[in-house]
Amino acid sequence: MDSTQQTEQLRRKLLENVYAGAFSGLGAMLLDEEQIRRASPDELELLAQSYGIR
């Protein structure tokens, strides 16, 4: 798997996390959606760390 695929896989995982949180009643998590969609690979890594994914 190349780095672009890994980046997009991480992006999908983060978005799934946000949607699950919003569905469970933490609607404020949707505020992170746009940030995740626009994030560079390095920014995604930082977001993943903040979500405890990496």
PDB file of N, CA and C in Angstrom:
ATOM      1  N   MET A   1       0.851  -1.174   0.000  1.00  0.00           N
ATOM      2  CA  MET A   1       0.000   0.000   0.000  1.00  0.00           C
ATOM      3  C   MET A   1       0.896   1.236   0.000  1.00  0.00           C
ATOM      4  N   ASP A   2       0.623   2.145  -0.917  1.00  0.00           N
ATOM      5  CA  ASP A   2       1.458   3.348  -0.988  1.00  0.00           C
ATOM      6  C   ASP A   2       0.992   4.393   0.032  1.00  0.00           C
ATOM      7  N   SER A   3       1.773   5.447   0.157  1.00  0.00           N
ATOM      8  CA  SER A   3       1.499   6.451   1.196  1.00  0.00           C
ATOM      9  C   SER A   3       0.176   7.183   0.962  1.00  0.00           C
ATOM     10  N   THR A   4      -0.203   7.379  -0.289  1.00  0.00           N
ATOM     11  CA  THR A   4      -1.485   8.033  -0.572  1.00  0.00           C
ATOM     12  C   THR A   4      -2.642   7.175  -0.083  1.00  0.00           C
ATOM     13  N   GLN A   5      -2.568   5.893  -0.316  1.00  0.00           N
ATOM     14  CA  GLN A   5      -3.615   4.980   0.145  1.00  0.00           C
ATOM     15  C   GLN A   5      -3.653   4.938   1.668  1.00  0.00           C
ATOM     16  N   GLN A   6      -2.486   4.931   2.293  1.00  0.00           N
ATOM     17  CA  GLN A   6      -2.434   4.921   3.753  1.00  0.00           C
ATOM     18  C   GLN A   6      -3.040   6.194   4.332  1.00  0.00           C
ATOM     19  N   THR A   7      -2.745   7.321   3.692  1.00  0.00           N
ATOM     20  CA  THR A   7      -3.287   8.598   4.145  1.00  0.00           C
ATOM     21  C   THR A   7      -4.807   8.594   4.046  1.00  0.00           C
ATOM     22  N   GLU A   8      -5.330   8.128   2.924  1.00  0.00           N
ATOM     23  CA  GLU A   8      -6.783   8.110   2.741  1.00  0.00           C
ATOM     24  C   GLU A   8      -7.456   7.100   3.667  1.00  0.00           C
ATOM     25  N   GLN A   9      -6.785   6.013   3.948  1.00  0.00           N
ATOM     26  CA  GLN A   9      -7.316   5.033   4.894  1.00  0.00           C
ATOM     27  C   GLN A   9      -7.399   5.652   6.291  1.00  0.00           C
ATOM     28  N   LEU A  10      -6.371   6.384   6.682  1.00  0.00           N
ATOM     29  CA  LEU A  10      -6.383   7.068   7.970  1.00  0.00           C
ATOM     30  C   LEU A  10      -7.471   8.132   8.001  1.00  0.00           C
ATOM     31  N   ARG A  11      -7.628   8.862   6.923  1.00  0.00           N
ATOM     32  CA  ARG A  11      -8.677   9.887   6.839  1.00  0.00           C
ATOM     33  C   ARG A  11     -10.058   9.244   7.040  1.00  0.00           C
ATOM     34  N   ARG A  12     -10.299   8.108   6.369  1.00  0.00           N
ATOM     35  CA  ARG A  12     -11.585   7.403   6.515  1.00  0.00           C
ATOM     36  C   ARG A  12     -11.794   6.938   7.954  1.00  0.00           C
ATOM     37  N   LYS A  13     -10.747   6.433   8.567  1.00  0.00           N
ATOM     38  CA  LYS A  13     -10.847   5.953   9.940  1.00  0.00           C
ATOM     39  C   LYS A  13     -11.193   7.098  10.890  1.00  0.00           C
ATOM     40  N   LEU A  14     -10.553   8.239  10.697  1.00  0.00           N
ATOM     41  CA  LEU A  14     -10.849   9.402  11.534  1.00  0.00           C
ATOM     42  C   LEU A  14     -12.285   9.882  11.327  1.00  0.00           C
ATOM     43  N   LEU A  15     -12.721   9.916  10.076  1.00  0.00           N
ATOM     44  CA  LEU A  15     -14.098  10.341   9.800  1.00  0.00           C
ATOM     45  C   LEU A  15     -15.100   9.370  10.408  1.00  0.00           C
ATOM     46  N   GLU A  16     -14.826   8.083  10.336  1.00  0.00           N
ATOM     47  CA  GLU A  16     -15.715   7.094  10.958  1.00  0.00           C
ATOM     48  C   GLU A  16     -15.797   7.326  12.461  1.00  0.00           C
ATOM     49  N   ASN A  17     -14.667   7.667  13.057  1.00  0.00           N
ATOM     50  CA  ASN A  17     -14.626   7.944  14.482  1.00  0.00           C
ATOM     51  C   ASN A  17     -15.490   9.160  14.813  1.00  0.00           C
ATOM     52  N   VAL A  18     -15.374  10.195  14.010  1.00  0.00           N
ATOM     53  CA  VAL A  18     -16.163  11.422  14.213  1.00  0.00           C
ATOM     54  C   VAL A  18     -17.650  11.125  14.059  1.00  0.00           C
ATOM     55  N   TYR A  19     -18.017  10.384  13.021  1.00  0.00           N
ATOM     56  CA  TYR A  19     -19.434  10.082  12.795  1.00  0.00           C
ATOM     57  C   TYR A  19     -19.998   9.215  13.915  1.00  0.00           C
ATOM     58  N   ALA A  20     -19.216   8.256  14.390  1.00  0.00           N
ATOM     59  CA  ALA A  20     -19.669   7.409  15.491  1.00  0.00           C
ATOM     60  C   ALA A  20     -19.877   8.234  16.760  1.00  0.00           C
ATOM     61  N   GLY A  21     -18.963   9.137  17.025  1.00  0.00           N
ATOM     62  CA  GLY A  21     -19.099  10.002  18.192  1.00  0.00           C
ATOM     63  C   GLY A  21     -20.308  10.904  18.094  1.00  0.00           C
ATOM     64  N   ALA A  22     -20.536  11.454  16.917  1.00  0.00           N
ATOM     65  CA  ALA A  22     -21.689  12.337  16.716  1.00  0.00           C
ATOM     66  C   ALA A  22     -22.991  11.546  16.866  1.00  0.00           C
ATOM     67  N   PHE A  23     -23.010  10.342  16.337  1.00  0.00           N
ATOM     68  CA  PHE A  23     -24.207   9.502  16.431  1.00  0.00           C
ATOM     69  C   PHE A  23     -24.504   9.120  17.874  1.00  0.00           C
ATOM     70  N   SER A  24     -23.464   8.967  18.676  1.00  0.00           N
ATOM     71  CA  SER A  24     -23.658   8.570  20.072  1.00  0.00           C
ATOM     72  C   SER A  24     -24.021   9.753  20.975  1.00  0.00           C
ATOM     73  N   GLY A  25     -24.148  10.918  20.398  1.00  0.00           N
ATOM     74  CA  GLY A  25     -24.580  12.072  21.181  1.00  0.00           C
ATOM     75  C   GLY A  25     -23.546  13.164  21.347  1.00  0.00           C
ATOM     76  N   LEU A  26     -22.366  12.962  20.804  1.00  0.00           N
ATOM     77  CA  LEU A  26     -21.320  13.985  20.891  1.00  0.00           C
ATOM     78  C   LEU A  26     -21.288  14.794  19.584  1.00  0.00           C
ATOM     79  N   GLY A  27     -22.362  15.507  19.335  1.00  0.00           N
ATOM     80  CA  GLY A  27     -22.519  16.240  18.085  1.00  0.00           C
ATOM     81  C   GLY A  27     -21.397  17.201  17.765  1.00  0.00           C
ATOM     82  N   ALA A  28     -20.721  17.700  18.782  1.00  0.00           N
ATOM     83  CA  ALA A  28     -19.624  18.640  18.562  1.00  0.00           C
ATOM     84  C   ALA A  28     -18.478  18.011  17.782  1.00  0.00           C
ATOM     85  N   MET A  29     -18.418  16.687  17.760  1.00  0.00           N
ATOM     86  CA  MET A  29     -17.351  16.027  17.011  1.00  0.00           C
ATOM     87  C   MET A  29     -17.455  16.326  15.514  1.00  0.00           C
ATOM     88  N   LEU A  30     -18.645  16.659  15.047  1.00  0.00           N
ATOM     89  CA  LEU A  30     -18.809  16.986  13.634  1.00  0.00           C
ATOM     90  C   LEU A  30     -18.022  18.232  13.243  1.00  0.00           C
ATOM     91  N   LEU A  31     -17.676  19.036  14.213  1.00  0.00           N
ATOM     92  CA  LEU A  31     -16.875  20.224  13.918  1.00  0.00           C
ATOM     93  C   LEU A  31     -15.498  19.847  13.373  1.00  0.00           C
ATOM     94  N   ASP A  32     -15.014  18.658  13.707  1.00  0.00           N
ATOM     95  CA  ASP A  32     -13.712  18.201  13.232  1.00  0.00           C
ATOM     96  C   ASP A  32     -13.762  17.634  11.817  1.00  0.00           C
ATOM     97  N   GLU A  33     -14.945  17.399  11.304  1.00  0.00           N
ATOM     98  CA  GLU A  33     -15.073  16.755   9.992  1.00  0.00           C
ATOM     99  C   GLU A  33     -14.339  17.529   8.896  1.00  0.00           C
ATOM    100  N   GLU A  34     -14.585  18.800   8.792  1.00  0.00           N
ATOM    101  CA  GLU A  34     -13.956  19.598   7.735  1.00  0.00           C
ATOM    102  C   GLU A  34     -12.444  19.665   7.914  1.00  0.00           C
ATOM    103  N   GLN A  35     -12.004  19.752   9.144  1.00  0.00           N
ATOM    104  CA  GLN A  35     -10.563  19.768   9.424  1.00  0.00           C
ATOM    105  C   GLN A  35      -9.922  18.466   8.947  1.00  0.00           C
ATOM    106  N   ILE A  36     -10.581  17.351   9.183  1.00  0.00           N
ATOM    107  CA  ILE A  36     -10.057  16.054   8.746  1.00  0.00           C
ATOM    108  C   ILE A  36     -10.047  15.972   7.230  1.00  0.00           C
ATOM    109  N   ARG A  37     -11.091  16.436   6.599  1.00  0.00           N
ATOM    110  CA  ARG A  37     -11.174  16.372   5.126  1.00  0.00           C
ATOM    111  C   ARG A  37     -10.070  17.193   4.455  1.00  0.00           C
ATOM    112  N   ARG A  38      -9.673  18.303   5.063  1.00  0.00           N
ATOM    113  CA  ARG A  38      -8.679  19.201   4.451  1.00  0.00           C
ATOM    114  C   ARG A  38      -7.246  18.958   4.937  1.00  0.00           C
ATOM    115  N   ALA A  39      -7.070  18.079   5.899  1.00  0.00           N
ATOM    116  CA  ALA A  39      -5.766  17.897   6.535  1.00  0.00           C
ATOM    117  C   ALA A  39      -4.735  17.268   5.604  1.00  0.00           C
ATOM    118  N   SER A  40      -3.514  17.722   5.756  1.00  0.00           N
ATOM    119  CA  SER A  40      -2.379  17.115   5.053  1.00  0.00           C
ATOM    120  C   SER A  40      -2.047  15.792   5.745  1.00  0.00           C
ATOM    121  N   PRO A  41      -1.216  14.966   5.139  1.00  0.00           N
ATOM    122  CA  PRO A  41      -0.834  13.708   5.796  1.00  0.00           C
ATOM    123  C   PRO A  41      -0.240  13.916   7.195  1.00  0.00           C
ATOM    124  N   ASP A  42       0.601  14.928   7.361  1.00  0.00           N
ATOM    125  CA  ASP A  42       1.191  15.201   8.678  1.00  0.00           C
ATOM    126  C   ASP A  42       0.126  15.632   9.686  1.00  0.00           C
ATOM    127  N   GLU A  43      -0.799  16.462   9.237  1.00  0.00           N
ATOM    128  CA  GLU A  43      -1.873  16.913  10.125  1.00  0.00           C
ATOM    129  C   GLU A  43      -2.784  15.745  10.518  1.00  0.00           C
ATOM    130  N   LEU A  44      -3.003  14.818   9.576  1.00  0.00           N
ATOM    131  CA  LEU A  44      -3.813  13.646   9.898  1.00  0.00           C
ATOM    132  C   LEU A  44      -3.164  12.809  10.986  1.00  0.00           C
ATOM    133  N   GLU A  45      -1.864  12.681  10.923  1.00  0.00           N
ATOM    134  CA  GLU A  45      -1.142  11.925  11.954  1.00  0.00           C
ATOM    135  C   GLU A  45      -1.349  12.567  13.323  1.00  0.00           C
ATOM    136  N   LEU A  46      -1.276  13.889  13.379  1.00  0.00           N
ATOM    137  CA  LEU A  46      -1.482  14.597  14.644  1.00  0.00           C
ATOM    138  C   LEU A  46      -2.913  14.413  15.153  1.00  0.00           C
ATOM    139  N   LEU A  47      -3.876  14.485  14.231  1.00  0.00           N
ATOM    140  CA  LEU A  47      -5.267  14.276  14.617  1.00  0.00           C
ATOM    141  C   LEU A  47      -5.487  12.851  15.121  1.00  0.00           C
ATOM    142  N   ALA A  48      -4.871  11.890  14.451  1.00  0.00           N
ATOM    143  CA  ALA A  48      -4.994  10.493  14.863  1.00  0.00           C
ATOM    144  C   ALA A  48      -4.442  10.318  16.274  1.00  0.00           C
ATOM    145  N   GLN A  49      -3.343  10.964  16.575  1.00  0.00           N
ATOM    146  CA  GLN A  49      -2.771  10.886  17.918  1.00  0.00           C
ATOM    147  C   GLN A  49      -3.719  11.505  18.940  1.00  0.00           C
ATOM    148  N   SER A  50      -4.339  12.623  18.576  1.00  0.00           N
ATOM    149  CA  SER A  50      -5.249  13.276  19.514  1.00  0.00           C
ATOM    150  C   SER A  50      -6.506  12.454  19.757  1.00  0.00           C
ATOM    151  N   TYR A  51      -6.888  11.636  18.784  1.00  0.00           N
ATOM    152  CA  TYR A  51      -8.041  10.737  18.947  1.00  0.00           C
ATOM    153  C   TYR A  51      -7.645   9.393  19.555  1.00  0.00           C
ATOM    154  N   GLY A  52      -6.363   9.202  19.794  1.00  0.00           N
ATOM    155  CA  GLY A  52      -5.889   7.959  20.378  1.00  0.00           C
ATOM    156  C   GLY A  52      -5.851   6.798  19.397  1.00  0.00           C
ATOM    157  N   ILE A  53      -5.838   7.095  18.118  1.00  0.00           N
ATOM    158  CA  ILE A  53      -5.808   6.055  17.093  1.00  0.00           C
ATOM    159  C   ILE A  53      -4.388   5.595  16.832  1.00  0.00           C
ATOM    160  N   ARG A  54      -3.442   6.477  16.977  1.00  0.00           N
ATOM    161  CA  ARG A  54      -2.024   6.129  16.751  1.00  0.00           C
ATOM    162  C   ARG A  54      -1.203   6.528  17.942  1.00  0.00           C
TER     163      ARG A  54
END
